[in-house]
């Protein structure tokens, strides 16, 4: 068990370390979800127009969420490096 942080910088680094562990997991889940929806809509149910349209919507949403997450991750890293210098 690690010792609890004694400074504000230590607390922020602990929280950012936890966020840096969670974000790749979320990216992986989004990638699996997008892959499954593409396979489901465009390969398994290729003849069903409603499924194909739903697949397009899921793909668009997944790409937008991924871009927003990358931007948020970049902002957090930029703030961390500018405020704490490491």
PDB file of N, CA and C in Angstrom:
ATOM      1  N   UNK A   1       0.851  -1.183   0.000  1.00  0.00           N
ATOM      2  CA  UNK A   1       0.000   0.000   0.000  1.00  0.00           C
ATOM      3  C   UNK A   1       0.891   1.239   0.000  1.00  0.00           C
ATOM      4  N   UNK A   2       0.597   2.184  -0.882  1.00  0.00           N
ATOM      5  CA  UNK A   2       1.416   3.384  -0.970  1.00  0.00           C
ATOM      6  C   UNK A   2       0.981   4.396   0.088  1.00  0.00           C
ATOM      7  N   UNK A   3       1.882   5.305   0.371  1.00  0.00           N
ATOM      8  CA  UNK A   3       1.573   6.330   1.358  1.00  0.00           C
ATOM      9  C   UNK A   3       0.684   7.392   0.724  1.00  0.00           C
ATOM     10  N   UNK A   4      -0.215   7.966   1.506  1.00  0.00           N
ATOM     11  CA  UNK A   4      -1.098   9.006   0.954  1.00  0.00           C
ATOM     12  C   UNK A   4      -0.301  10.271   0.633  1.00  0.00           C
ATOM     13  N   UNK A   5      -0.743  11.011  -0.377  1.00  0.00           N
ATOM     14  CA  UNK A   5      -0.019  12.234  -0.743  1.00  0.00           C
ATOM     15  C   UNK A   5      -0.116  13.273   0.367  1.00  0.00           C
ATOM     16  N   UNK A   6       0.969  14.011   0.568  1.00  0.00           N
ATOM     17  CA  UNK A   6       0.992  15.023   1.629  1.00  0.00           C
ATOM     18  C   UNK A   6       0.914  16.442   1.076  1.00  0.00           C
ATOM     19  N   UNK A   7       1.006  16.603  -0.247  1.00  0.00           N
ATOM     20  CA  UNK A   7       0.913  17.928  -0.852  1.00  0.00           C
ATOM     21  C   UNK A   7      -0.187  17.923  -1.905  1.00  0.00           C
ATOM     22  N   UNK A   8      -0.588  19.113  -2.295  1.00  0.00           N
ATOM     23  CA  UNK A   8      -1.601  19.237  -3.340  1.00  0.00           C
ATOM     24  C   UNK A   8      -1.089  18.651  -4.640  1.00  0.00           C
ATOM     25  N   UNK A   9       0.171  18.893  -4.946  1.00  0.00           N
ATOM     26  CA  UNK A   9       0.759  18.340  -6.169  1.00  0.00           C
ATOM     27  C   UNK A   9       0.732  16.812  -6.140  1.00  0.00           C
ATOM     28  N   UNK A  10       1.011  16.243  -4.992  1.00  0.00           N
ATOM     29  CA  UNK A  10       0.965  14.793  -4.865  1.00  0.00           C
ATOM     30  C   UNK A  10      -0.434  14.250  -5.078  1.00  0.00           C
ATOM     31  N   UNK A  11      -1.433  14.950  -4.530  1.00  0.00           N
ATOM     32  CA  UNK A  11      -2.828  14.539  -4.706  1.00  0.00           C
ATOM     33  C   UNK A  11      -3.235  14.618  -6.175  1.00  0.00           C
ATOM     34  N   UNK A  12      -2.886  15.711  -6.823  1.00  0.00           N
ATOM     35  CA  UNK A  12      -3.227  15.876  -8.231  1.00  0.00           C
ATOM     36  C   UNK A  12      -2.532  14.805  -9.069  1.00  0.00           C
ATOM     37  N   UNK A  13      -1.282  14.511  -8.781  1.00  0.00           N
ATOM     38  CA  UNK A  13      -0.563  13.473  -9.527  1.00  0.00           C
ATOM     39  C   UNK A  13      -1.188  12.096  -9.310  1.00  0.00           C
ATOM     40  N   UNK A  14      -1.677  11.819  -8.112  1.00  0.00           N
ATOM     41  CA  UNK A  14      -2.374  10.547  -7.847  1.00  0.00           C
ATOM     42  C   UNK A  14      -3.651  10.459  -8.681  1.00  0.00           C
ATOM     43  N   UNK A  15      -4.426  11.537  -8.704  1.00  0.00           N
ATOM     44  CA  UNK A  15      -5.678  11.552  -9.468  1.00  0.00           C
ATOM     45  C   UNK A  15      -5.392  11.426 -10.956  1.00  0.00           C
ATOM     46  N   UNK A  16      -4.396  12.156 -11.457  1.00  0.00           N
ATOM     47  CA  UNK A  16      -4.046  12.077 -12.874  1.00  0.00           C
ATOM     48  C   UNK A  16      -3.490  10.701 -13.239  1.00  0.00           C
ATOM     49  N   UNK A  17      -2.776  10.085 -12.323  1.00  0.00           N
ATOM     50  CA  UNK A  17      -2.304   8.725 -12.566  1.00  0.00           C
ATOM     51  C   UNK A  17      -3.459   7.755 -12.718  1.00  0.00           C
ATOM     52  N   UNK A  18      -4.487   7.924 -11.890  1.00  0.00           N
ATOM     53  CA  UNK A  18      -5.678   7.081 -11.990  1.00  0.00           C
ATOM     54  C   UNK A  18      -6.401   7.339 -13.307  1.00  0.00           C
ATOM     55  N   UNK A  19      -6.517   8.596 -13.694  1.00  0.00           N
ATOM     56  CA  UNK A  19      -7.164   8.939 -14.963  1.00  0.00           C
ATOM     57  C   UNK A  19      -6.378   8.341 -16.127  1.00  0.00           C
ATOM     58  N   UNK A  20      -5.053   8.382 -16.052  1.00  0.00           N
ATOM     59  CA  UNK A  20      -4.230   7.820 -17.123  1.00  0.00           C
ATOM     60  C   UNK A  20      -4.348   6.303 -17.217  1.00  0.00           C
ATOM     61  N   UNK A  21      -4.797   5.644 -16.165  1.00  0.00           N
ATOM     62  CA  UNK A  21      -5.058   4.212 -16.228  1.00  0.00           C
ATOM     63  C   UNK A  21      -6.448   3.923 -16.804  1.00  0.00           C
ATOM     64  N   UNK A  22      -7.406   4.785 -16.517  1.00  0.00           N
ATOM     65  CA  UNK A  22      -8.793   4.556 -16.930  1.00  0.00           C
ATOM     66  C   UNK A  22      -9.006   4.898 -18.406  1.00  0.00           C
ATOM     67  N   UNK A  23      -8.384   5.950 -18.892  1.00  0.00           N
ATOM     68  CA  UNK A  23      -8.631   6.410 -20.256  1.00  0.00           C
ATOM     69  C   UNK A  23      -8.294   5.350 -21.311  1.00  0.00           C
ATOM     70  N   UNK A  24      -7.143   4.666 -21.251  1.00  0.00           N
ATOM     71  CA  UNK A  24      -6.912   3.615 -22.261  1.00  0.00           C
ATOM     72  C   UNK A  24      -7.950   2.492 -22.195  1.00  0.00           C
ATOM     73  N   UNK A  25      -8.441   2.191 -21.015  1.00  0.00           N
ATOM     74  CA  UNK A  25      -9.495   1.185 -20.885  1.00  0.00           C
ATOM     75  C   UNK A  25     -10.759   1.644 -21.614  1.00  0.00           C
ATOM     76  N   UNK A  26     -11.120   2.898 -21.456  1.00  0.00           N
ATOM     77  CA  UNK A  26     -12.297   3.439 -22.131  1.00  0.00           C
ATOM     78  C   UNK A  26     -12.088   3.440 -23.647  1.00  0.00           C
ATOM     79  N   UNK A  27     -10.872   3.804 -24.098  1.00  0.00           N
ATOM     80  CA  UNK A  27     -10.575   3.744 -25.528  1.00  0.00           C
ATOM     81  C   UNK A  27     -10.759   2.326 -26.058  1.00  0.00           C
ATOM     82  N   UNK A  28     -10.294   1.345 -25.308  1.00  0.00           N
ATOM     83  CA  UNK A  28     -10.440  -0.047 -25.725  1.00  0.00           C
ATOM     84  C   UNK A  28     -11.895  -0.471 -25.824  1.00  0.00           C
ATOM     85  N   UNK A  29     -12.698  -0.063 -24.854  1.00  0.00           N
ATOM     86  CA  UNK A  29     -14.124  -0.401 -24.863  1.00  0.00           C
ATOM     87  C   UNK A  29     -14.812   0.245 -26.068  1.00  0.00           C
ATOM     88  N   UNK A  30     -14.495   1.503 -26.344  1.00  0.00           N
ATOM     89  CA  UNK A  30     -15.091   2.187 -27.501  1.00  0.00           C
ATOM     90  C   UNK A  30     -14.678   1.495 -28.794  1.00  0.00           C
ATOM     91  N   UNK A  31     -13.410   1.095 -28.897  1.00  0.00           N
ATOM     92  CA  UNK A  31     -12.942   0.406 -30.101  1.00  0.00           C
ATOM     93  C   UNK A  31     -13.687  -0.915 -30.293  1.00  0.00           C
ATOM     94  N   UNK A  32     -13.838  -1.697 -29.226  1.00  0.00           N
ATOM     95  CA  UNK A  32     -14.567  -2.964 -29.328  1.00  0.00           C
ATOM     96  C   UNK A  32     -16.028  -2.728 -29.702  1.00  0.00           C
ATOM     97  N   UNK A  33     -16.651  -1.720 -29.102  1.00  0.00           N
ATOM     98  CA  UNK A  33     -18.044  -1.396 -29.399  1.00  0.00           C
ATOM     99  C   UNK A  33     -18.194  -0.999 -30.870  1.00  0.00           C
ATOM    100  N   UNK A  34     -17.320  -0.135 -31.345  1.00  0.00           N
ATOM    101  CA  UNK A  34     -17.379   0.304 -32.739  1.00  0.00           C
ATOM    102  C   UNK A  34     -17.160  -0.874 -33.676  1.00  0.00           C
ATOM    103  N   UNK A  35     -16.184  -1.708 -33.382  1.00  0.00           N
ATOM    104  CA  UNK A  35     -15.914  -2.874 -34.226  1.00  0.00           C
ATOM    105  C   UNK A  35     -17.118  -3.802 -34.271  1.00  0.00           C
ATOM    106  N   UNK A  36     -17.720  -4.064 -33.118  1.00  0.00           N
ATOM    107  CA  UNK A  36     -18.883  -4.949 -33.087  1.00  0.00           C
ATOM    108  C   UNK A  36     -20.051  -4.354 -33.880  1.00  0.00           C
ATOM    109  N   UNK A  37     -20.313  -3.068 -33.720  1.00  0.00           N
ATOM    110  CA  UNK A  37     -21.424  -2.445 -34.438  1.00  0.00           C
ATOM    111  C   UNK A  37     -21.202  -2.457 -35.948  1.00  0.00           C
ATOM    112  N   UNK A  38     -19.968  -2.270 -36.389  1.00  0.00           N
ATOM    113  CA  UNK A  38     -19.675  -2.328 -37.823  1.00  0.00           C
ATOM    114  C   UNK A  38     -19.895  -3.744 -38.344  1.00  0.00           C
ATOM    115  N   UNK A  39     -19.391  -4.722 -37.614  1.00  0.00           N
ATOM    116  CA  UNK A  39     -19.590  -6.116 -38.028  1.00  0.00           C
ATOM    117  C   UNK A  39     -21.074  -6.467 -38.035  1.00  0.00           C
ATOM    118  N   UNK A  40     -21.785  -6.060 -36.995  1.00  0.00           N
ATOM    119  CA  UNK A  40     -23.216  -6.358 -36.887  1.00  0.00           C
ATOM    120  C   UNK A  40     -24.013  -5.697 -38.001  1.00  0.00           C
ATOM    121  N   UNK A  41     -23.738  -4.430 -38.281  1.00  0.00           N
ATOM    122  CA  UNK A  41     -24.553  -3.695 -39.251  1.00  0.00           C
ATOM    123  C   UNK A  41     -24.168  -4.004 -40.688  1.00  0.00           C
ATOM    124  N   UNK A  42     -22.886  -4.063 -40.989  1.00  0.00           N
ATOM    125  CA  UNK A  42     -22.467  -4.124 -42.377  1.00  0.00           C
ATOM    126  C   UNK A  42     -22.067  -5.515 -42.852  1.00  0.00           C
ATOM    127  N   UNK A  43     -21.930  -6.482 -41.946  1.00  0.00           N
ATOM    128  CA  UNK A  43     -21.580  -7.835 -42.365  1.00  0.00           C
ATOM    129  C   UNK A  43     -22.690  -8.821 -42.028  1.00  0.00           C
ATOM    130  N   UNK A  44     -23.101  -8.866 -40.755  1.00  0.00           N
ATOM    131  CA  UNK A  44     -24.122  -9.829 -40.334  1.00  0.00           C
ATOM    132  C   UNK A  44     -25.496  -9.454 -40.894  1.00  0.00           C
ATOM    133  N   UNK A  45     -25.870  -8.185 -40.804  1.00  0.00           N
ATOM    134  CA  UNK A  45     -27.191  -7.724 -41.257  1.00  0.00           C
ATOM    135  C   UNK A  45     -27.070  -6.789 -42.455  1.00  0.00           C
ATOM    136  N   UNK A  46     -26.271  -7.169 -43.423  1.00  0.00           N
ATOM    137  CA  UNK A  46     -26.010  -6.282 -44.564  1.00  0.00           C
ATOM    138  C   UNK A  46     -27.261  -5.994 -45.386  1.00  0.00           C
ATOM    139  N   UNK A  47     -28.244  -6.885 -45.386  1.00  0.00           N
ATOM    140  CA  UNK A  47     -29.449  -6.674 -46.177  1.00  0.00           C
ATOM    141  C   UNK A  47     -30.494  -5.817 -45.503  1.00  0.00           C
ATOM    142  N   UNK A  48     -30.363  -5.574 -44.202  1.00  0.00           N
ATOM    143  CA  UNK A  48     -31.346  -4.810 -43.437  1.00  0.00           C
ATOM    144  C   UNK A  48     -30.940  -3.332 -43.426  1.00  0.00           C
ATOM    145  N   UNK A  49     -31.701  -2.511 -44.164  1.00  0.00           N
ATOM    146  CA  UNK A  49     -31.353  -1.087 -44.280  1.00  0.00           C
ATOM    147  C   UNK A  49     -31.381  -0.365 -42.934  1.00  0.00           C
ATOM    148  N   UNK A  50     -32.316  -0.731 -42.061  1.00  0.00           N
ATOM    149  CA  UNK A  50     -32.387  -0.080 -40.747  1.00  0.00           C
ATOM    150  C   UNK A  50     -31.131  -0.362 -39.926  1.00  0.00           C
ATOM    151  N   UNK A  51     -30.664  -1.606 -39.976  1.00  0.00           N
ATOM    152  CA  UNK A  51     -29.439  -1.965 -39.243  1.00  0.00           C
ATOM    153  C   UNK A  51     -28.226  -1.238 -39.815  1.00  0.00           C
ATOM    154  N   UNK A  52     -28.180  -1.093 -41.133  1.00  0.00           N
ATOM    155  CA  UNK A  52     -27.058  -0.390 -41.758  1.00  0.00           C
ATOM    156  C   UNK A  52     -27.068   1.080 -41.343  1.00  0.00           C
ATOM    157  N   UNK A  53     -28.234   1.710 -41.323  1.00  0.00           N
ATOM    158  CA  UNK A  53     -28.340   3.111 -40.881  1.00  0.00           C
ATOM    159  C   UNK A  53     -27.959   3.251 -39.411  1.00  0.00           C
ATOM    160  N   UNK A  54     -28.413   2.308 -38.576  1.00  0.00           N
ATOM    161  CA  UNK A  54     -28.020   2.329 -37.163  1.00  0.00           C
ATOM    162  C   UNK A  54     -26.507   2.176 -37.022  1.00  0.00           C
ATOM    163  N   UNK A  55     -25.916   1.319 -37.841  1.00  0.00           N
ATOM    164  CA  UNK A  55     -24.467   1.139 -37.819  1.00  0.00           C
ATOM    165  C   UNK A  55     -23.729   2.412 -38.168  1.00  0.00           C
ATOM    166  N   UNK A  56     -24.243   3.157 -39.132  1.00  0.00           N
ATOM    167  CA  UNK A  56     -23.632   4.437 -39.500  1.00  0.00           C
ATOM    168  C   UNK A  56     -23.707   5.431 -38.344  1.00  0.00           C
ATOM    169  N   UNK A  57     -24.858   5.455 -37.661  1.00  0.00           N
ATOM    170  CA  UNK A  57     -25.015   6.370 -36.517  1.00  0.00           C
ATOM    171  C   UNK A  57     -24.066   6.005 -35.387  1.00  0.00           C
ATOM    172  N   UNK A  58     -23.979   4.705 -35.064  1.00  0.00           N
ATOM    173  CA  UNK A  58     -23.064   4.266 -34.008  1.00  0.00           C
ATOM    174  C   UNK A  58     -21.620   4.579 -34.364  1.00  0.00           C
ATOM    175  N   UNK A  59     -21.246   4.384 -35.620  1.00  0.00           N
ATOM    176  CA  UNK A  59     -19.883   4.665 -36.044  1.00  0.00           C
ATOM    177  C   UNK A  59     -19.577   6.153 -35.895  1.00  0.00           C
ATOM    178  N   UNK A  60     -20.500   7.010 -36.299  1.00  0.00           N
ATOM    179  CA  UNK A  60     -20.292   8.449 -36.173  1.00  0.00           C
ATOM    180  C   UNK A  60     -20.146   8.861 -34.709  1.00  0.00           C
ATOM    181  N   UNK A  61     -21.031   8.357 -33.869  1.00  0.00           N
ATOM    182  CA  UNK A  61     -20.971   8.694 -32.443  1.00  0.00           C
ATOM    183  C   UNK A  61     -19.667   8.193 -31.823  1.00  0.00           C
ATOM    184  N   UNK A  62     -19.259   6.979 -32.161  1.00  0.00           N
ATOM    185  CA  UNK A  62     -18.024   6.426 -31.600  1.00  0.00           C
ATOM    186  C   UNK A  62     -16.808   7.246 -32.026  1.00  0.00           C
ATOM    187  N   UNK A  63     -16.776   7.686 -33.268  1.00  0.00           N
ATOM    188  CA  UNK A  63     -15.656   8.508 -33.736  1.00  0.00           C
ATOM    189  C   UNK A  63     -15.659   9.857 -33.023  1.00  0.00           C
ATOM    190  N   UNK A  64     -16.813  10.480 -32.884  1.00  0.00           N
ATOM    191  CA  UNK A  64     -16.893  11.769 -32.183  1.00  0.00           C
ATOM    192  C   UNK A  64     -16.470  11.644 -30.725  1.00  0.00           C
ATOM    193  N   UNK A  65     -16.922  10.601 -30.055  1.00  0.00           N
ATOM    194  CA  UNK A  65     -16.548  10.398 -28.651  1.00  0.00           C
ATOM    195  C   UNK A  65     -15.040  10.171 -28.538  1.00  0.00           C
ATOM    196  N   UNK A  66     -14.477   9.419 -29.455  1.00  0.00           N
ATOM    197  CA  UNK A  66     -13.037   9.180 -29.430  1.00  0.00           C
ATOM    198  C   UNK A  66     -12.259  10.480 -29.619  1.00  0.00           C
ATOM    199  N   UNK A  67     -12.680  11.303 -30.559  1.00  0.00           N
ATOM    200  CA  UNK A  67     -12.010  12.584 -30.782  1.00  0.00           C
ATOM    201  C   UNK A  67     -12.129  13.482 -29.547  1.00  0.00           C
ATOM    202  N   UNK A  68     -13.300  13.534 -28.942  1.00  0.00           N
ATOM    203  CA  UNK A  68     -13.474  14.350 -27.732  1.00  0.00           C
ATOM    204  C   UNK A  68     -12.628  13.830 -26.579  1.00  0.00           C
ATOM    205  N   UNK A  69     -12.520  12.515 -26.446  1.00  0.00           N
ATOM    206  CA  UNK A  69     -11.708  11.954 -25.373  1.00  0.00           C
ATOM    207  C   UNK A  69     -10.225  12.248 -25.588  1.00  0.00           C
ATOM    208  N   UNK A  70      -9.773  12.165 -26.836  1.00  0.00           N
ATOM    209  CA  UNK A  70      -8.370  12.483 -27.121  1.00  0.00           C
ATOM    210  C   UNK A  70      -8.099  13.951 -26.811  1.00  0.00           C
ATOM    211  N   UNK A  71      -9.027  14.824 -27.166  1.00  0.00           N
ATOM    212  CA  UNK A  71      -8.865  16.253 -26.880  1.00  0.00           C
ATOM    213  C   UNK A  71      -8.843  16.503 -25.372  1.00  0.00           C
ATOM    214  N   UNK A  72      -9.747  15.871 -24.640  1.00  0.00           N
ATOM    215  CA  UNK A  72      -9.788  16.048 -23.185  1.00  0.00           C
ATOM    216  C   UNK A  72      -8.511  15.522 -22.545  1.00  0.00           C
ATOM    217  N   UNK A  73      -8.036  14.378 -23.012  1.00  0.00           N
ATOM    218  CA  UNK A  73      -6.807  13.813 -22.479  1.00  0.00           C
ATOM    219  C   UNK A  73      -5.634  14.750 -22.749  1.00  0.00           C
ATOM    220  N   UNK A  74      -5.591  15.337 -23.922  1.00  0.00           N
ATOM    221  CA  UNK A  74      -4.539  16.292 -24.257  1.00  0.00           C
ATOM    222  C   UNK A  74      -4.590  17.541 -23.392  1.00  0.00           C
ATOM    223  N   UNK A  75      -5.792  18.029 -23.121  1.00  0.00           N
ATOM    224  CA  UNK A  75      -5.943  19.216 -22.264  1.00  0.00           C
ATOM    225  C   UNK A  75      -5.479  18.911 -20.849  1.00  0.00           C
ATOM    226  N   UNK A  76      -5.853  17.746 -20.327  1.00  0.00           N
ATOM    227  CA  UNK A  76      -5.423  17.370 -18.978  1.00  0.00           C
ATOM    228  C   UNK A  76      -3.910  17.259 -18.907  1.00  0.00           C
ATOM    229  N   UNK A  77      -3.293  16.642 -19.908  1.00  0.00           N
ATOM    230  CA  UNK A  77      -1.833  16.520 -19.926  1.00  0.00           C
ATOM    231  C   UNK A  77      -1.163  17.885 -20.050  1.00  0.00           C
ATOM    232  N   UNK A  78      -1.747  18.769 -20.862  1.00  0.00           N
ATOM    233  CA  UNK A  78      -1.187  20.107 -21.020  1.00  0.00           C
ATOM    234  C   UNK A  78      -1.255  20.874 -19.697  1.00  0.00           C
ATOM    235  N   UNK A  79      -2.400  20.800 -19.016  1.00  0.00           N
ATOM    236  CA  UNK A  79      -2.532  21.472 -17.719  1.00  0.00           C
ATOM    237  C   UNK A  79      -1.566  20.898 -16.704  1.00  0.00           C
ATOM    238  N   UNK A  80      -1.446  19.576 -16.683  1.00  0.00           N
ATOM    239  CA  UNK A  80      -0.553  18.941 -15.714  1.00  0.00           C
ATOM    240  C   UNK A  80       0.888  19.372 -15.950  1.00  0.00           C
ATOM    241  N   UNK A  81       1.304  19.373 -17.219  1.00  0.00           N
ATOM    242  CA  UNK A  81       2.693  19.728 -17.499  1.00  0.00           C
ATOM    243  C   UNK A  81       2.961  21.209 -17.273  1.00  0.00           C
ATOM    244  N   UNK A  82       1.971  22.060 -17.535  1.00  0.00           N
ATOM    245  CA  UNK A  82       2.204  23.493 -17.340  1.00  0.00           C
ATOM    246  C   UNK A  82       2.098  23.894 -15.878  1.00  0.00           C
ATOM    247  N   UNK A  83       1.245  23.230 -15.109  1.00  0.00           N
ATOM    248  CA  UNK A  83       1.106  23.589 -13.697  1.00  0.00           C
ATOM    249  C   UNK A  83       2.149  22.938 -12.812  1.00  0.00           C
ATOM    250  N   UNK A  84       2.528  21.707 -13.137  1.00  0.00           N
ATOM    251  CA  UNK A  84       3.423  20.973 -12.245  1.00  0.00           C
ATOM    252  C   UNK A  84       4.775  20.661 -12.874  1.00  0.00           C
ATOM    253  N   UNK A  85       4.952  20.964 -14.136  1.00  0.00           N
ATOM    254  CA  UNK A  85       6.255  20.849 -14.774  1.00  0.00           C
ATOM    255  C   UNK A  85       6.783  19.446 -14.955  1.00  0.00           C
ATOM    256  N   UNK A  86       5.948  18.430 -14.885  1.00  0.00           N
ATOM    257  CA  UNK A  86       6.465  17.066 -15.117  1.00  0.00           C
ATOM    258  C   UNK A  86       5.476  16.238 -15.870  1.00  0.00           C
TER     259      UNK A  86
END
